[in-house]
N, C-alpha and C. Protein backbone atom coordinates (compact mmCIF):
# COMPACT_ATOMS: atom_id res chain seq x y z
N MET A 1 120.75 -51.49 -107.23
CA MET A 1 119.29 -51.41 -107.77
C MET A 1 119.10 -49.89 -107.43
N LYS A 2 118.31 -49.28 -108.35
CA LYS A 2 118.05 -47.69 -108.16
C LYS A 2 116.65 -47.58 -107.41
N GLN A 3 116.69 -46.60 -106.56
CA GLN A 3 115.73 -46.31 -105.72
C GLN A 3 114.86 -45.27 -106.56
N VAL A 4 113.47 -45.67 -106.54
CA VAL A 4 112.41 -44.86 -107.33
C VAL A 4 111.81 -43.77 -106.25
N CYS A 5 111.77 -42.57 -106.67
CA CYS A 5 111.20 -41.44 -105.71
C CYS A 5 109.78 -41.45 -105.99
N LYS A 6 108.89 -41.35 -105.09
CA LYS A 6 107.50 -41.22 -105.58
C LYS A 6 107.06 -39.68 -105.51
N ILE A 7 106.35 -39.39 -106.25
CA ILE A 7 105.85 -37.87 -106.54
C ILE A 7 104.42 -37.77 -105.87
N TYR A 8 104.28 -36.91 -104.81
CA TYR A 8 103.01 -36.89 -104.32
C TYR A 8 102.32 -35.43 -104.63
N ASP A 9 100.90 -35.28 -105.21
CA ASP A 9 100.62 -34.11 -105.51
C ASP A 9 100.11 -33.23 -104.12
N LYS A 10 99.88 -31.99 -104.46
CA LYS A 10 99.64 -31.11 -103.59
C LYS A 10 98.47 -31.56 -102.38
N ALA A 11 97.37 -31.88 -102.95
CA ALA A 11 96.23 -32.32 -102.24
C ALA A 11 96.59 -33.32 -101.22
N PHE A 12 97.43 -34.47 -101.72
CA PHE A 12 97.93 -35.54 -100.68
C PHE A 12 98.75 -34.77 -99.64
N LYS A 13 99.61 -33.98 -99.82
CA LYS A 13 100.64 -33.39 -98.95
C LYS A 13 99.77 -32.66 -97.84
N GLU A 14 98.74 -31.86 -98.52
CA GLU A 14 97.93 -31.04 -97.51
C GLU A 14 97.16 -31.89 -96.55
N LYS A 15 96.68 -33.08 -97.18
CA LYS A 15 96.01 -33.90 -96.27
C LYS A 15 96.77 -34.61 -95.12
N ALA A 16 97.95 -35.14 -95.51
CA ALA A 16 99.10 -35.59 -94.73
C ALA A 16 99.35 -34.61 -93.62
N VAL A 17 99.66 -33.35 -93.79
CA VAL A 17 99.96 -32.39 -92.84
C VAL A 17 98.83 -32.10 -91.95
N GLN A 18 97.60 -32.00 -92.51
CA GLN A 18 96.35 -31.80 -91.74
C GLN A 18 96.23 -32.96 -90.75
N LEU A 19 96.18 -34.24 -91.11
CA LEU A 19 96.24 -35.44 -90.35
C LEU A 19 97.29 -35.36 -89.29
N SER A 20 98.44 -34.91 -89.56
CA SER A 20 99.38 -35.08 -88.56
C SER A 20 99.25 -34.09 -87.44
N TYR A 21 98.53 -32.88 -87.73
CA TYR A 21 98.07 -32.14 -86.67
C TYR A 21 97.14 -32.78 -85.68
N ASP A 22 96.22 -33.74 -86.29
CA ASP A 22 95.04 -34.25 -85.47
C ASP A 22 95.61 -35.47 -84.61
N ARG A 23 96.66 -36.20 -85.18
CA ARG A 23 97.23 -37.38 -84.54
C ARG A 23 98.30 -37.23 -83.78
N LYS A 24 98.68 -37.90 -82.78
CA LYS A 24 99.74 -37.99 -82.02
C LYS A 24 100.76 -39.08 -82.27
N ASN A 25 100.40 -40.02 -82.87
CA ASN A 25 101.25 -41.02 -83.54
C ASN A 25 101.57 -41.03 -84.92
N ILE A 26 102.85 -40.36 -85.33
CA ILE A 26 103.07 -40.15 -86.67
C ILE A 26 103.45 -41.46 -87.42
N SER A 27 103.96 -42.46 -86.83
CA SER A 27 104.47 -43.75 -87.28
C SER A 27 103.14 -44.34 -87.64
N GLU A 28 102.25 -44.35 -86.81
CA GLU A 28 100.76 -44.99 -87.27
C GLU A 28 100.35 -44.18 -88.66
N LEU A 29 100.28 -43.06 -88.59
CA LEU A 29 99.72 -42.23 -89.75
C LEU A 29 100.48 -42.58 -91.01
N SER A 30 101.84 -42.64 -90.93
CA SER A 30 102.62 -42.77 -92.16
C SER A 30 102.30 -44.37 -92.50
N ARG A 31 102.23 -45.29 -91.77
CA ARG A 31 101.64 -46.54 -92.26
C ARG A 31 100.24 -46.48 -93.00
N GLU A 32 99.35 -45.82 -92.54
CA GLU A 32 98.27 -45.62 -93.06
C GLU A 32 98.33 -44.86 -94.36
N LEU A 33 99.22 -43.97 -94.54
CA LEU A 33 99.32 -43.16 -95.99
C LEU A 33 100.15 -43.88 -96.74
N GLY A 34 100.93 -44.88 -96.32
CA GLY A 34 101.86 -45.56 -97.12
C GLY A 34 103.14 -44.99 -97.58
N ILE A 35 103.61 -44.14 -96.39
CA ILE A 35 104.83 -43.44 -96.55
C ILE A 35 105.66 -43.69 -95.36
N THR A 36 107.01 -43.43 -95.39
CA THR A 36 107.96 -43.72 -94.31
C THR A 36 107.83 -42.48 -93.47
N ALA A 37 108.04 -42.73 -92.15
CA ALA A 37 108.18 -41.78 -91.12
C ALA A 37 109.38 -41.16 -90.97
N PRO A 38 109.49 -39.92 -90.55
CA PRO A 38 110.83 -39.13 -90.65
C PRO A 38 111.78 -39.69 -89.46
C-alpha cells in the first residue's frame, strides 16, 4: 500500500512552530494538530 504524504501550507507550519514554543508536551500538540510527533 502506497503512503500518501500530506502537504501543509505555510500558515499551518508557522502556527505549529509557534504553538510548539508555547507548549512543553510536543506529543499532545501533535495529536491536536493531527500530525505525528518526531
